[in-house]
Amino acid sequence: MYEERPSRLAGAVVWTNRPADTGVGRVLPDGCMDLLWNDGRLLVAGPDTRAYVTDGESSSWAGVRFFPGTGPGLLGVPAHELRDRRVELTDLWPAVEVRRLCDRVEAAADPVTALEDVALARAAAVDEPDPVLRRVVTALDAGRPVAATADELGLGARKLHRRCLSAFGYGPKTLARILRLQRALALARGGTAFADTAVRAGYADQAHLARDVKELAGLPLGELLGRRVGGAP
């Protein structure tokens, strides 16, 4: 069973996933990075460009999903270095520190809250997120064109692309496409007809929506909505 709630860390989400079986799971790209807890290990999920498919992973997972663009500053690594990857936190931070944090989470009465505390402590120790990155997310999520977004932020296309690679793991066009997918899924899950979903989410037509969903999620939209989709490793 997948559950989530808003985190005490601004813009983040705390989630747990306790699979009821060992079937295939599917995690869709969302522009985010996650700090993960699983079987006594701390891991990091980098930004995905395609659905991440799990098979037979029946153990429980917990995670803190950072607001798009904030993960690299908290974790100390550019997002593009972790694109489409899941890595041990010891690959990024000193092993001694990671062992101490693992012991802390393992010993906690509520490991999920302890994991959230790890993220909060890290956020307090690093610089505040760059406010420009949130403006990028807001503009692209509203359907603003990439070129117009770059001009409005005074960055220029090349500088915006470099900033996006470091913050989100890919360029602004890919980020815009992923955010559009998430808008479409939210509409379709809410019962909006697929044709209306396409128009409201910013696709040219329903066929465009279908192609994008199949490419990014790996399944047709109807089949995807028949499955439970949530956070996972």
Protein backbone atom coordinates (compact mmCIF):
# COMPACT_ATOMS: atom_id res chain seq x y z
CA MET A 1 0.00 0.00 0.00
CA TYR A 2 1.30 3.40 -0.99
CA GLU A 3 0.68 6.40 1.29
CA GLU A 4 2.04 9.94 1.29
CA ARG A 5 1.72 13.19 3.21
CA PRO A 6 3.17 16.69 2.98
CA SER A 7 6.56 16.89 4.66
CA ARG A 8 7.66 19.36 7.28
CA LEU A 9 10.37 20.21 4.74
CA ALA A 10 8.90 22.90 2.49
CA GLY A 11 7.61 21.53 -0.80
CA ALA A 12 8.60 17.94 -0.05
CA VAL A 13 6.44 14.84 0.36
CA VAL A 14 6.99 11.93 2.74
CA TRP A 15 5.79 8.55 1.47
CA THR A 16 5.76 4.86 2.33
CA ASN A 17 5.19 1.89 0.08
CA ARG A 18 4.45 -1.57 1.47
CA PRO A 19 3.74 -3.77 -1.55
CA ALA A 20 1.03 -6.36 -1.05
CA ASP A 21 2.64 -8.67 -3.61
CA THR A 22 5.80 -9.13 -5.65
CA GLY A 23 4.33 -7.99 -8.95
CA VAL A 24 5.64 -5.32 -11.28
CA GLY A 25 5.60 -1.75 -9.98
CA ARG A 26 6.00 1.42 -11.99
CA VAL A 27 7.35 4.79 -10.85
CA LEU A 28 6.69 7.63 -13.26
CA PRO A 29 9.01 10.57 -13.93
CA ASP A 30 8.03 13.65 -11.93
CA GLY A 31 11.04 15.98 -11.96
CA CYS A 32 11.95 15.03 -8.38
CA MET A 33 14.72 13.29 -6.45
CA ASP A 34 14.08 11.12 -3.39
CA LEU A 35 15.96 10.13 -0.25
CA LEU A 36 15.03 6.48 0.33
CA TRP A 37 15.02 4.04 3.26
CA ASN A 38 14.89 0.30 2.62
CA ASP A 39 16.03 -2.68 4.68
CA GLY A 40 18.49 -0.70 6.77
CA ARG A 41 19.92 1.23 3.82
CA LEU A 42 19.79 4.86 2.78
CA LEU A 43 19.65 5.43 -0.98
CA VAL A 44 18.97 8.22 -3.43
CA ALA A 45 16.66 8.05 -6.45
CA GLY A 46 17.78 10.38 -9.19
CA PRO A 47 15.44 12.11 -11.64
CA ASP A 48 13.85 9.74 -14.13
CA THR A 49 13.35 10.33 -17.84
CA ARG A 50 11.23 7.18 -18.24
CA ALA A 51 9.17 4.98 -15.94
CA TYR A 52 11.27 3.06 -13.44
CA VAL A 53 9.94 -0.48 -13.34
CA THR A 54 10.34 -2.66 -10.26
CA ASP A 55 9.90 -6.40 -10.39
CA GLY A 56 9.54 -8.61 -7.35
CA GLU A 57 10.61 -5.92 -4.84
CA SER A 58 8.27 -6.86 -2.01
CA SER A 59 10.10 -5.14 0.87
CA SER A 60 8.85 -1.91 2.39
CA TRP A 61 10.19 1.44 1.27
CA ALA A 62 10.00 4.95 2.68
CA GLY A 63 11.10 8.18 1.10
CA VAL A 64 11.27 11.93 1.18
CA ARG A 65 10.51 13.31 -2.28
CA PHE A 66 12.12 16.71 -2.65
CA PHE A 67 10.48 19.53 -4.56
CA PRO A 68 11.83 19.64 -8.14
CA GLY A 69 15.23 21.31 -8.30
CA THR A 70 15.96 21.20 -4.55
CA GLY A 71 17.44 17.69 -4.29
CA PRO A 72 20.91 18.52 -5.67
CA GLY A 73 21.49 21.28 -3.13
CA LEU A 74 20.47 18.99 -0.26
CA LEU A 75 22.41 15.97 -1.46
CA GLY A 76 25.46 17.78 -2.78
CA VAL A 77 25.49 16.32 -6.29
CA PRO A 78 24.26 17.67 -9.65
CA ALA A 79 21.03 16.01 -10.70
CA HIS A 80 22.30 14.91 -14.10
CA GLU A 81 24.89 12.67 -12.40
CA LEU A 82 22.03 10.63 -10.91
CA ARG A 83 19.66 10.70 -13.87
CA ASP A 84 17.77 7.39 -14.17
CA ARG A 85 19.80 5.90 -11.29
CA ARG A 86 19.29 4.59 -7.75
CA VAL A 87 22.49 4.78 -5.69
CA GLU A 88 23.57 4.12 -2.13
CA LEU A 89 23.93 7.29 -0.07
CA THR A 90 27.45 6.09 0.77
CA ASP A 91 28.32 6.82 -2.88
CA LEU A 92 27.63 10.48 -2.19
CA TRP A 93 28.37 11.07 1.51
CA PRO A 94 31.10 9.80 3.87
CA ALA A 95 30.41 6.21 4.95
CA VAL A 96 30.83 7.06 8.63
CA GLU A 97 28.12 9.71 8.44
CA VAL A 98 25.76 7.44 6.51
CA ARG A 99 26.21 4.61 9.04
CA ARG A 100 25.36 7.01 11.86
CA LEU A 101 22.22 8.15 10.05
CA CYS A 102 21.20 4.55 9.28
CA ASP A 103 21.56 3.63 12.95
CA ARG A 104 19.46 6.65 13.88
CA VAL A 105 16.63 5.77 11.48
CA GLU A 106 16.75 2.07 12.35
CA ALA A 107 16.48 2.76 16.08
CA ALA A 108 13.64 5.26 15.79
CA ALA A 109 10.14 4.41 16.95
CA ASP A 110 8.94 5.81 13.63
CA PRO A 111 11.62 5.34 10.94
CA VAL A 112 9.64 7.43 8.45
CA THR A 113 9.68 10.48 10.71
CA ALA A 114 13.35 9.86 11.45
CA LEU A 115 14.08 9.82 7.71
CA GLU A 116 12.24 13.12 7.41
CA ASP A 117 14.35 14.47 10.28
CA VAL A 118 17.49 13.54 8.33
CA ALA A 119 16.26 15.59 5.39
CA LEU A 120 15.32 18.53 7.62
CA ALA A 121 18.71 18.53 9.32
CA ARG A 122 20.42 18.49 5.95
CA ALA A 123 18.28 21.37 4.70
CA ALA A 124 19.23 23.43 7.76
CA ALA A 125 22.93 22.85 7.03
CA VAL A 126 22.98 23.94 3.39
CA ASP A 127 22.08 27.09 1.50
CA GLU A 128 18.46 27.95 0.75
CA PRO A 129 17.22 26.65 -2.63
CA ASP A 130 17.73 29.01 -5.55
CA PRO A 131 14.36 30.81 -5.95
CA VAL A 132 14.89 30.96 -9.72
CA LEU A 133 14.50 27.18 -9.90
CA ARG A 134 11.05 27.32 -8.36
CA ARG A 135 10.11 30.01 -10.88
CA VAL A 136 11.27 27.70 -13.67
CA VAL A 137 9.07 24.90 -12.34
CA THR A 138 6.09 27.21 -11.87
CA ALA A 139 6.37 28.63 -15.39
CA LEU A 140 6.83 25.29 -17.15
CA ASP A 141 4.15 23.61 -15.07
CA ALA A 142 1.76 26.36 -16.16
CA GLY A 143 2.52 25.48 -19.77
CA ARG A 144 4.76 28.44 -20.56
CA PRO A 145 7.05 27.85 -23.56
CA VAL A 146 10.70 27.19 -22.73
CA ALA A 147 11.96 30.15 -24.77
CA ALA A 148 9.50 32.53 -23.12
CA THR A 149 10.45 31.20 -19.68
CA ALA A 150 14.14 31.79 -20.38
CA ASP A 151 13.45 35.35 -21.53
CA GLU A 152 11.19 36.14 -18.59
CA LEU A 153 13.84 34.96 -16.13
CA GLY A 154 16.60 36.82 -17.94
CA LEU A 155 18.66 33.66 -18.35
CA GLY A 156 18.80 32.96 -22.06
CA ALA A 157 18.29 29.53 -23.55
CA ARG A 158 21.80 28.16 -22.97
CA LYS A 159 22.04 29.32 -19.37
CA LEU A 160 18.58 27.95 -18.61
CA HIS A 161 19.59 24.59 -20.09
CA ARG A 162 22.73 24.43 -17.92
CA ARG A 163 20.81 25.38 -14.80
CA CYS A 164 18.18 22.76 -15.53
CA LEU A 165 20.74 19.99 -16.11
CA SER A 166 22.27 20.62 -12.71
CA ALA A 167 18.98 21.11 -10.85
CA PHE A 168 16.59 18.70 -12.56
CA GLY A 169 18.85 16.25 -14.38
CA TYR A 170 17.75 17.21 -17.89
CA GLY A 171 17.00 20.24 -20.00
CA PRO A 172 13.92 22.46 -19.70
CA LYS A 173 12.11 20.82 -22.62
CA THR A 174 12.26 17.44 -20.93
CA LEU A 175 11.21 18.96 -17.62
CA ALA A 176 8.25 20.68 -19.30
CA ARG A 177 7.25 17.40 -20.92
CA ILE A 178 7.38 15.52 -17.60
CA LEU A 179 5.39 18.20 -15.78
CA ARG A 180 2.81 18.11 -18.58
CA LEU A 181 2.53 14.34 -18.14
CA GLN A 182 1.85 14.80 -14.44
CA ARG A 183 -0.83 17.41 -15.18
CA ALA A 184 -2.49 15.04 -17.63
CA LEU A 185 -2.45 12.12 -15.20
CA ALA A 186 -3.98 14.25 -12.46
CA LEU A 187 -6.80 15.27 -14.78
CA ALA A 188 -7.41 11.77 -16.12
CA ARG A 189 -7.36 10.21 -12.65
CA GLY A 190 -9.96 12.79 -11.63
CA GLY A 191 -12.31 11.51 -14.32
CA THR A 192 -11.66 14.02 -17.11
CA ALA A 193 -12.19 12.51 -20.54
CA PHE A 194 -8.96 11.77 -22.38
CA ALA A 195 -9.70 14.25 -25.19
CA ASP A 196 -10.39 17.03 -22.67
CA THR A 197 -7.36 15.98 -20.65
CA ALA A 198 -5.17 16.43 -23.72
CA VAL A 199 -6.42 19.97 -24.34
CA ARG A 200 -6.29 21.08 -20.72
CA ALA A 201 -2.85 19.62 -20.09
CA GLY A 202 -1.35 21.32 -23.16
CA TYR A 203 -1.14 18.56 -25.78
CA ALA A 204 -1.92 19.13 -29.43
CA ASP A 205 -4.61 16.45 -29.34
CA GLN A 206 -5.50 13.10 -27.78
CA ALA A 207 -3.12 11.22 -30.08
CA HIS A 208 -0.25 13.42 -28.88
CA LEU A 209 -1.21 12.66 -25.28
CA ALA A 210 -1.31 8.93 -26.01
CA ARG A 211 2.13 8.93 -27.62
CA ASP A 212 3.71 10.89 -24.80
CA VAL A 213 2.21 8.72 -22.08
CA LYS A 214 3.32 5.54 -23.83
CA GLU A 215 6.86 6.85 -24.26
CA LEU A 216 7.31 8.26 -20.75
CA ALA A 217 5.25 5.76 -18.76
CA GLY A 218 5.71 2.67 -20.90
CA LEU A 219 1.98 1.88 -20.98
CA PRO A 220 -1.11 3.19 -22.76
CA LEU A 221 -3.00 5.74 -20.70
CA GLY A 222 -6.03 3.51 -20.09
CA GLU A 223 -3.91 0.63 -18.88
CA LEU A 224 -1.81 2.94 -16.75
CA LEU A 225 -4.84 4.34 -14.97
CA GLY A 226 -5.99 0.80 -14.22
CA ARG A 227 -2.85 0.28 -12.17
CA ARG A 228 -1.83 1.79 -8.87
CA VAL A 229 0.99 4.25 -9.45
CA GLY A 230 2.96 5.75 -6.60
CA GLY A 231 6.35 6.32 -5.04
CA ALA A 232 8.79 3.45 -4.98
CA PRO A 233 12.48 2.69 -5.04
